[in-house]
Amino acid sequence: MKEKKLLVSVNNISRSYGKIPAIENITFDIHRGEVLGLLGPNGAGKSTAMQIISGVISANSGSVNICGSDIQDFPKLAKKNIGFLSEQLPLYNDLTIDEYLFYTAKLRGIKKIDIEKKVNFCKKRCGLEDFGSRLIQNLSKGFRQRVGVAQAIVHTPPIIILDEPTSGLDPQQILEIRSLMQELRKDHSIILSTHILSEVEAMCDRVLIINKGNIVLDRRLKELLTNEDSLESIFMQLTKK
């Protein structure tokens, strides 16, 4: 079987805030087509790891390679391959969906001649094609999440990083976002950070658990669920104080 292309290589990254370590010597890889579930209790270091991988903050040590480019040495090359949705949605409430997506497309360096095509394509994928003229401040939480995902994929990146994408949504909205992620996984690799274990079971190929800044598990989901232990019991065992 042909090995899938390596897209993300994280090598021994560490980050401290003052004297307090957030993550220590985190190492893992992601290949094309994978959906990686990043789990851990509050304060475990998940968000710090995702921000370093996406280039929002720097590691104190270690390296991150995105599609062959080191994110510190060649940040523009690396970041063009990443779409990032943070837990705090990066939206401008006084813009319409179309205005916002055209703006983010320009920021991503998409050629002017291609912007409308790219925006229309990502709107269609996110179920927003009939709502382009709506003000973002008037959207429901679920639709705001969709706009957040749309800005993350407007430049068609091979890697999408989603930090708590269903946080605060009602059950129907959660199902809609899960359906959207199932669509996206066909063409993208996804790193999904969440505290909802059922979401990982429904979406992910592989599970990585961080506790107290360290990786305590990195396994394929099928391997984990072949024994009698549930993902919840495994998570509790590995993250207990």
C-alpha atoms as a PDB file:
ATOM      1  CA  MET A   1       0.000   0.000   0.000  1.00  0.00           C
ATOM      2  CA  LYS A   2       1.339   3.436  -0.948  1.00  0.00           C
ATOM      3  CA  GLU A   3       2.192   5.548   2.105  1.00  0.00           C
ATOM      4  CA  LYS A   4       0.163   8.742   2.408  1.00  0.00           C
ATOM      5  CA  LYS A   5       2.005  12.049   2.095  1.00  0.00           C
ATOM      6  CA  LEU A   6       3.331  13.568   5.314  1.00  0.00           C
ATOM      7  CA  LEU A   7       1.728  16.995   5.793  1.00  0.00           C
ATOM      8  CA  VAL A   8       2.574  17.979   9.383  1.00  0.00           C
ATOM      9  CA  SER A   9       5.648  17.059  11.398  1.00  0.00           C
ATOM     10  CA  VAL A  10       5.812  18.302  14.991  1.00  0.00           C
ATOM     11  CA  ASN A  11       9.178  17.690  16.620  1.00  0.00           C
ATOM     12  CA  ASN A  12       9.790  18.106  20.360  1.00  0.00           C
ATOM     13  CA  ILE A  13       7.956  21.419  20.743  1.00  0.00           C
ATOM     14  CA  SER A  14       7.873  22.989  24.204  1.00  0.00           C
ATOM     15  CA  ARG A  15       6.350  26.226  25.444  1.00  0.00           C
ATOM     16  CA  SER A  16       6.310  27.835  28.875  1.00  0.00           C
ATOM     17  CA  TYR A  17       4.539  30.890  30.223  1.00  0.00           C
ATOM     18  CA  GLY A  18       7.014  32.341  32.670  1.00  0.00           C
ATOM     19  CA  LYS A  19       8.157  29.406  34.770  1.00  0.00           C
ATOM     20  CA  ILE A  20       5.003  27.399  34.079  1.00  0.00           C
ATOM     21  CA  PRO A  21       5.338  24.790  31.276  1.00  0.00           C
ATOM     22  CA  ALA A  22       2.309  24.535  28.972  1.00  0.00           C
ATOM     23  CA  ILE A  23       3.615  21.717  26.759  1.00  0.00           C
ATOM     24  CA  GLU A  24       6.815  19.700  26.897  1.00  0.00           C
ATOM     25  CA  ASN A  25       8.519  17.837  24.050  1.00  0.00           C
ATOM     26  CA  ILE A  26       5.396  17.221  21.967  1.00  0.00           C
ATOM     27  CA  THR A  27       6.095  15.098  18.866  1.00  0.00           C
ATOM     28  CA  PHE A  28       3.680  13.682  16.260  1.00  0.00           C
ATOM     29  CA  ASP A  29       3.021  13.530  12.507  1.00  0.00           C
ATOM     30  CA  ILE A  30      -0.098  13.877  10.374  1.00  0.00           C
ATOM     31  CA  HIS A  31      -0.524  12.389   6.901  1.00  0.00           C
ATOM     32  CA  ARG A  32      -2.868  13.361   4.096  1.00  0.00           C
ATOM     33  CA  GLY A  33      -6.487  12.366   4.702  1.00  0.00           C
ATOM     34  CA  GLU A  34      -6.165  11.863   8.464  1.00  0.00           C
ATOM     35  CA  VAL A  35      -8.560  13.333  11.015  1.00  0.00           C
ATOM     36  CA  LEU A  36      -6.708  13.656  14.301  1.00  0.00           C
ATOM     37  CA  GLY A  37      -8.641  14.154  17.521  1.00  0.00           C
ATOM     38  CA  LEU A  38      -6.655  16.187  20.045  1.00  0.00           C
ATOM     39  CA  LEU A  39      -7.977  15.515  23.550  1.00  0.00           C
ATOM     40  CA  GLY A  40      -7.097  16.597  27.047  1.00  0.00           C
ATOM     41  CA  PRO A  41      -8.569  18.150  30.188  1.00  0.00           C
ATOM     42  CA  ASN A  42      -8.758  21.922  30.588  1.00  0.00           C
ATOM     43  CA  GLY A  43      -5.280  23.398  30.872  1.00  0.00           C
ATOM     44  CA  ALA A  44      -3.596  20.302  29.407  1.00  0.00           C
ATOM     45  CA  GLY A  45      -1.911  22.282  26.610  1.00  0.00           C
ATOM     46  CA  LYS A  46      -4.170  21.531  23.624  1.00  0.00           C
ATOM     47  CA  SER A  47      -4.746  25.140  22.578  1.00  0.00           C
ATOM     48  CA  THR A  48      -1.080  26.022  23.041  1.00  0.00           C
ATOM     49  CA  ALA A  49      -0.076  23.129  20.780  1.00  0.00           C
ATOM     50  CA  MET A  50      -2.579  24.146  18.105  1.00  0.00           C
ATOM     51  CA  GLN A  51      -1.502  27.785  18.195  1.00  0.00           C
ATOM     52  CA  ILE A  52       2.138  26.767  17.733  1.00  0.00           C
ATOM     53  CA  ILE A  53       1.289  24.420  14.848  1.00  0.00           C
ATOM     54  CA  SER A  54      -0.726  27.162  13.131  1.00  0.00           C
ATOM     55  CA  GLY A  55       1.981  29.789  13.687  1.00  0.00           C
ATOM     56  CA  VAL A  56      -0.042  32.028  16.003  1.00  0.00           C
ATOM     57  CA  ILE A  57       2.632  31.744  18.718  1.00  0.00           C
ATOM     58  CA  SER A  58       6.174  30.370  18.725  1.00  0.00           C
ATOM     59  CA  ALA A  59       7.558  27.389  20.582  1.00  0.00           C
ATOM     60  CA  ASN A  60      10.411  27.954  23.026  1.00  0.00           C
ATOM     61  CA  SER A  61      12.108  24.921  21.491  1.00  0.00           C
ATOM     62  CA  GLY A  62      11.449  22.291  18.835  1.00  0.00           C
ATOM     63  CA  SER A  63      10.130  22.687  15.295  1.00  0.00           C
ATOM     64  CA  VAL A  64       6.955  22.430  13.199  1.00  0.00           C
ATOM     65  CA  ASN A  65       7.142  21.509   9.520  1.00  0.00           C
ATOM     66  CA  ILE A  66       4.091  22.137   7.337  1.00  0.00           C
ATOM     67  CA  CYS A  67       4.082  20.566   3.856  1.00  0.00           C
ATOM     68  CA  GLY A  68       7.876  20.735   3.732  1.00  0.00           C
ATOM     69  CA  SER A  69       8.279  24.265   5.176  1.00  0.00           C
ATOM     70  CA  ASP A  70       9.477  25.090   8.688  1.00  0.00           C
ATOM     71  CA  ILE A  71       6.888  27.433  10.198  1.00  0.00           C
ATOM     72  CA  GLN A  72       9.543  29.599  11.863  1.00  0.00           C
ATOM     73  CA  ASP A  73      11.973  29.825   8.954  1.00  0.00           C
ATOM     74  CA  PHE A  74       9.394  30.049   6.157  1.00  0.00           C
ATOM     75  CA  PRO A  75       6.149  31.246   7.829  1.00  0.00           C
ATOM     76  CA  LYS A  76       4.393  32.447   4.649  1.00  0.00           C
ATOM     77  CA  LEU A  77       5.007  29.192   2.808  1.00  0.00           C
ATOM     78  CA  ALA A  78       3.917  27.124   5.794  1.00  0.00           C
ATOM     79  CA  LYS A  79       0.819  29.142   6.696  1.00  0.00           C
ATOM     80  CA  LYS A  80      -0.601  29.129   3.164  1.00  0.00           C
ATOM     81  CA  ASN A  81      -1.192  25.397   3.712  1.00  0.00           C
ATOM     82  CA  ILE A  82      -3.136  25.886   6.960  1.00  0.00           C
ATOM     83  CA  GLY A  83      -6.704  26.891   7.706  1.00  0.00           C
ATOM     84  CA  PHE A  84      -7.248  27.720  11.380  1.00  0.00           C
ATOM     85  CA  LEU A  85     -10.469  28.187  13.338  1.00  0.00           C
ATOM     86  CA  SER A  86      -9.799  29.256  16.918  1.00  0.00           C
ATOM     87  CA  GLU A  87     -12.276  28.702  19.740  1.00  0.00           C
ATOM     88  CA  GLN A  88     -12.862  32.472  19.818  1.00  0.00           C
ATOM     89  CA  LEU A  89     -14.331  33.056  16.358  1.00  0.00           C
ATOM     90  CA  PRO A  90     -12.301  35.584  14.321  1.00  0.00           C
ATOM     91  CA  LEU A  91     -15.353  37.383  12.919  1.00  0.00           C
ATOM     92  CA  TYR A  92     -16.197  41.024  12.197  1.00  0.00           C
ATOM     93  CA  ASN A  93     -19.798  41.524  13.290  1.00  0.00           C
ATOM     94  CA  ASP A  94     -20.415  44.665  11.235  1.00  0.00           C
ATOM     95  CA  LEU A  95     -19.626  42.933   7.933  1.00  0.00           C
ATOM     96  CA  THR A  96     -21.842  40.724   5.815  1.00  0.00           C
ATOM     97  CA  ILE A  97     -20.759  37.146   5.150  1.00  0.00           C
ATOM     98  CA  ASP A  98     -19.689  38.084   1.622  1.00  0.00           C
ATOM     99  CA  GLU A  99     -17.739  41.141   2.767  1.00  0.00           C
ATOM    100  CA  TYR A 100     -15.949  39.144   5.421  1.00  0.00           C
ATOM    101  CA  LEU A 101     -15.047  36.214   3.161  1.00  0.00           C
ATOM    102  CA  PHE A 102     -13.830  38.511   0.371  1.00  0.00           C
ATOM    103  CA  TYR A 103     -11.664  40.275   2.962  1.00  0.00           C
ATOM    104  CA  THR A 104     -10.191  37.029   4.322  1.00  0.00           C
ATOM    105  CA  ALA A 105      -9.578  35.797   0.765  1.00  0.00           C
ATOM    106  CA  LYS A 106      -7.529  38.937   0.067  1.00  0.00           C
ATOM    107  CA  LEU A 107      -5.582  38.418   3.295  1.00  0.00           C
ATOM    108  CA  ARG A 108      -4.803  34.891   2.129  1.00  0.00           C
ATOM    109  CA  GLY A 109      -3.228  36.242  -1.035  1.00  0.00           C
ATOM    110  CA  ILE A 110      -5.786  34.811  -3.447  1.00  0.00           C
ATOM    111  CA  LYS A 111      -5.559  36.486  -6.855  1.00  0.00           C
ATOM    112  CA  LYS A 112      -8.268  39.089  -7.447  1.00  0.00           C
ATOM    113  CA  ILE A 113      -9.544  37.240 -10.497  1.00  0.00           C
ATOM    114  CA  ASP A 114     -10.065  34.063  -8.419  1.00  0.00           C
ATOM    115  CA  ILE A 115     -11.572  35.533  -5.220  1.00  0.00           C
ATOM    116  CA  GLU A 116     -15.246  35.380  -6.191  1.00  0.00           C
ATOM    117  CA  LYS A 117     -14.922  31.775  -7.382  1.00  0.00           C
ATOM    118  CA  LYS A 118     -13.123  30.735  -4.187  1.00  0.00           C
ATOM    119  CA  VAL A 119     -15.614  32.529  -1.925  1.00  0.00           C
ATOM    120  CA  ASN A 120     -18.620  31.024  -3.709  1.00  0.00           C
ATOM    121  CA  PHE A 121     -17.087  27.557  -3.487  1.00  0.00           C
ATOM    122  CA  CYS A 122     -16.432  27.735   0.257  1.00  0.00           C
ATOM    123  CA  LYS A 123     -19.893  29.237   0.871  1.00  0.00           C
ATOM    124  CA  LYS A 124     -21.461  26.296  -0.938  1.00  0.00           C
ATOM    125  CA  ARG A 125     -19.431  23.781   1.064  1.00  0.00           C
ATOM    126  CA  CYS A 126     -20.463  25.456   4.314  1.00  0.00           C
ATOM    127  CA  GLY A 127     -24.152  25.881   3.442  1.00  0.00           C
ATOM    128  CA  LEU A 128     -23.917  29.666   3.204  1.00  0.00           C
ATOM    129  CA  GLU A 129     -24.610  30.240  -0.487  1.00  0.00           C
ATOM    130  CA  ASP A 130     -28.026  31.870   0.180  1.00  0.00           C
ATOM    131  CA  PHE A 131     -26.884  34.053   3.080  1.00  0.00           C
ATOM    132  CA  GLY A 132     -24.025  36.156   1.691  1.00  0.00           C
ATOM    133  CA  SER A 133     -25.804  39.477   2.321  1.00  0.00           C
ATOM    134  CA  ARG A 134     -26.593  38.698   5.971  1.00  0.00           C
ATOM    135  CA  LEU A 135     -24.785  40.670   8.658  1.00  0.00           C
ATOM    136  CA  ILE A 136     -22.608  38.426  10.801  1.00  0.00           C
ATOM    137  CA  GLN A 137     -23.934  40.021  14.004  1.00  0.00           C
ATOM    138  CA  ASN A 138     -27.429  38.783  13.116  1.00  0.00           C
ATOM    139  CA  LEU A 139     -26.421  35.140  12.603  1.00  0.00           C
ATOM    140  CA  SER A 140     -27.137  32.261  14.978  1.00  0.00           C
ATOM    141  CA  LYS A 141     -24.244  30.591  16.770  1.00  0.00           C
ATOM    142  CA  GLY A 142     -24.350  27.675  14.331  1.00  0.00           C
ATOM    143  CA  PHE A 143     -24.147  29.915  11.271  1.00  0.00           C
ATOM    144  CA  ARG A 144     -21.345  31.942  12.860  1.00  0.00           C
ATOM    145  CA  GLN A 145     -19.412  28.679  13.241  1.00  0.00           C
ATOM    146  CA  ARG A 146     -20.026  27.953   9.570  1.00  0.00           C
ATOM    147  CA  VAL A 147     -18.624  31.355   8.621  1.00  0.00           C
ATOM    148  CA  GLY A 148     -15.611  30.612  10.813  1.00  0.00           C
ATOM    149  CA  VAL A 149     -15.014  27.348   8.990  1.00  0.00           C
ATOM    150  CA  ALA A 150     -15.525  29.081   5.626  1.00  0.00           C
ATOM    151  CA  GLN A 151     -12.730  31.574   6.320  1.00  0.00           C
ATOM    152  CA  ALA A 152     -10.467  28.673   7.289  1.00  0.00           C
ATOM    153  CA  ILE A 153     -10.962  26.903   3.949  1.00  0.00           C
ATOM    154  CA  VAL A 154     -11.345  29.837   1.540  1.00  0.00           C
ATOM    155  CA  HIS A 155      -7.795  29.298   0.218  1.00  0.00           C
ATOM    156  CA  THR A 156      -8.296  25.505  -0.025  1.00  0.00           C
ATOM    157  CA  PRO A 157      -5.539  24.517   2.424  1.00  0.00           C
ATOM    158  CA  PRO A 158      -4.531  20.851   2.772  1.00  0.00           C
ATOM    159  CA  ILE A 159      -4.591  21.163   6.591  1.00  0.00           C
ATOM    160  CA  ILE A 160      -7.503  22.450   8.689  1.00  0.00           C
ATOM    161  CA  ILE A 161      -7.115  23.078  12.424  1.00  0.00           C
ATOM    162  CA  LEU A 162     -10.369  23.369  14.380  1.00  0.00           C
ATOM    163  CA  ASP A 163     -10.365  24.344  18.056  1.00  0.00           C
ATOM    164  CA  GLU A 164     -13.645  23.360  19.775  1.00  0.00           C
ATOM    165  CA  PRO A 165     -15.745  23.886  16.602  1.00  0.00           C
ATOM    166  CA  THR A 166     -19.024  22.792  18.260  1.00  0.00           C
ATOM    167  CA  SER A 167     -18.564  24.678  21.543  1.00  0.00           C
ATOM    168  CA  GLY A 168     -21.822  26.291  22.655  1.00  0.00           C
ATOM    169  CA  LEU A 169     -23.952  24.802  19.889  1.00  0.00           C
ATOM    170  CA  ASP A 170     -27.323  23.120  20.329  1.00  0.00           C
ATOM    171  CA  PRO A 171     -27.730  19.427  19.296  1.00  0.00           C
ATOM    172  CA  GLN A 172     -29.014  20.241  15.805  1.00  0.00           C
ATOM    173  CA  GLN A 173     -26.199  22.715  15.168  1.00  0.00           C
ATOM    174  CA  ILE A 174     -23.648  20.129  16.359  1.00  0.00           C
ATOM    175  CA  LEU A 175     -25.006  17.620  13.828  1.00  0.00           C
ATOM    176  CA  GLU A 176     -24.747  20.261  11.080  1.00  0.00           C
ATOM    177  CA  ILE A 177     -21.110  21.053  11.898  1.00  0.00           C
ATOM    178  CA  ARG A 178     -20.254  17.331  12.078  1.00  0.00           C
ATOM    179  CA  SER A 179     -21.834  16.850   8.648  1.00  0.00           C
ATOM    180  CA  LEU A 180     -19.732  19.731   7.358  1.00  0.00           C
ATOM    181  CA  MET A 181     -16.539  18.170   8.767  1.00  0.00           C
ATOM    182  CA  GLN A 182     -17.397  14.858   7.112  1.00  0.00           C
ATOM    183  CA  GLU A 183     -17.575  16.743   3.824  1.00  0.00           C
ATOM    184  CA  LEU A 184     -14.276  18.534   4.443  1.00  0.00           C
ATOM    185  CA  ARG A 185     -12.344  15.379   5.320  1.00  0.00           C
ATOM    186  CA  LYS A 186     -12.637  14.226   1.702  1.00  0.00           C
ATOM    187  CA  ASP A 187     -10.162  16.885   0.574  1.00  0.00           C
ATOM    188  CA  HIS A 188      -8.350  17.992   3.737  1.00  0.00           C
ATOM    189  CA  SER A 189      -6.486  16.656   6.746  1.00  0.00           C
ATOM    190  CA  ILE A 190      -8.090  17.881   9.967  1.00  0.00           C
ATOM    191  CA  ILE A 191      -6.796  18.438  13.484  1.00  0.00           C
ATOM    192  CA  LEU A 192      -9.807  18.600  15.779  1.00  0.00           C
ATOM    193  CA  SER A 193      -9.419  19.788  19.357  1.00  0.00           C
ATOM    194  CA  THR A 194     -12.439  19.023  21.517  1.00  0.00           C
ATOM    195  CA  HIS A 195     -13.514  17.876  24.961  1.00  0.00           C
ATOM    196  CA  ILE A 196     -16.528  16.017  23.535  1.00  0.00           C
ATOM    197  CA  LEU A 197     -15.524  12.349  23.316  1.00  0.00           C
ATOM    198  CA  SER A 198     -18.509  11.330  21.190  1.00  0.00           C
ATOM    199  CA  GLU A 199     -17.358  13.862  18.611  1.00  0.00           C
ATOM    200  CA  VAL A 200     -13.979  12.159  18.400  1.00  0.00           C
ATOM    201  CA  GLU A 201     -15.594   8.733  18.030  1.00  0.00           C
ATOM    202  CA  ALA A 202     -17.827  10.059  15.250  1.00  0.00           C
ATOM    203  CA  MET A 203     -15.188  12.005  13.319  1.00  0.00           C
ATOM    204  CA  CYS A 204     -11.614  10.907  13.943  1.00  0.00           C
ATOM    205  CA  ASP A 205      -9.259   8.249  12.602  1.00  0.00           C
ATOM    206  CA  ARG A 206      -6.706   8.784  15.317  1.00  0.00           C
ATOM    207  CA  VAL A 207      -6.629  10.044  18.909  1.00  0.00           C
ATOM    208  CA  LEU A 208      -3.891  11.997  20.622  1.00  0.00           C
ATOM    209  CA  ILE A 209      -4.355  12.726  24.335  1.00  0.00           C
ATOM    210  CA  ILE A 210      -2.354  15.430  26.112  1.00  0.00           C
ATOM    211  CA  ASN A 211      -2.210  15.637  29.899  1.00  0.00           C
ATOM    212  CA  LYS A 212      -0.175  18.122  31.905  1.00  0.00           C
ATOM    213  CA  GLY A 213       1.637  19.232  28.766  1.00  0.00           C
ATOM    214  CA  ASN A 214       2.714  15.754  27.643  1.00  0.00           C
ATOM    215  CA  ILE A 215       1.389  13.234  25.129  1.00  0.00           C
ATOM    216  CA  VAL A 216       0.044  10.239  27.041  1.00  0.00           C
ATOM    217  CA  LEU A 217      -1.600   8.446  24.098  1.00  0.00           C
ATOM    218  CA  ASP A 218      -1.284   8.448  20.295  1.00  0.00           C
ATOM    219  CA  ARG A 219      -3.280   5.609  18.722  1.00  0.00           C
ATOM    220  CA  ARG A 220      -5.652   4.918  15.883  1.00  0.00           C
ATOM    221  CA  LEU A 221      -9.258   4.928  17.055  1.00  0.00           C
ATOM    222  CA  LYS A 222     -10.007   1.465  15.636  1.00  0.00           C
ATOM    223  CA  GLU A 223      -7.195  -0.014  17.727  1.00  0.00           C
ATOM    224  CA  LEU A 224      -8.452   1.672  20.891  1.00  0.00           C
ATOM    225  CA  LEU A 225     -12.034   0.524  20.514  1.00  0.00           C
ATOM    226  CA  THR A 226     -11.279  -3.154  19.850  1.00  0.00           C
ATOM    227  CA  ASN A 227     -10.982  -3.878  23.570  1.00  0.00           C
ATOM    228  CA  GLU A 228     -13.654  -3.618  26.238  1.00  0.00           C
ATOM    229  CA  ASP A 229     -12.617  -0.159  27.402  1.00  0.00           C
ATOM    230  CA  SER A 230     -14.536   2.828  26.063  1.00  0.00           C
ATOM    231  CA  LEU A 231     -12.796   5.990  24.931  1.00  0.00           C
ATOM    232  CA  GLU A 232     -14.213   7.685  28.007  1.00  0.00           C
ATOM    233  CA  SER A 233     -12.680   5.147  30.400  1.00  0.00           C
ATOM    234  CA  ILE A 234      -9.315   5.319  28.602  1.00  0.00           C
ATOM    235  CA  PHE A 235      -9.384   9.108  28.776  1.00  0.00           C
ATOM    236  CA  MET A 236     -10.222   9.071  32.490  1.00  0.00           C
ATOM    237  CA  GLN A 237      -7.431   6.607  33.264  1.00  0.00           C
ATOM    238  CA  LEU A 238      -4.821   8.642  31.425  1.00  0.00           C
ATOM    239  CA  THR A 239      -5.828  12.084  32.713  1.00  0.00           C
ATOM    240  CA  LYS A 240      -6.667  11.380  36.340  1.00  0.00           C
ATOM    241  CA  LYS A 241      -4.818  13.595  38.811  1.00  0.00           C
END
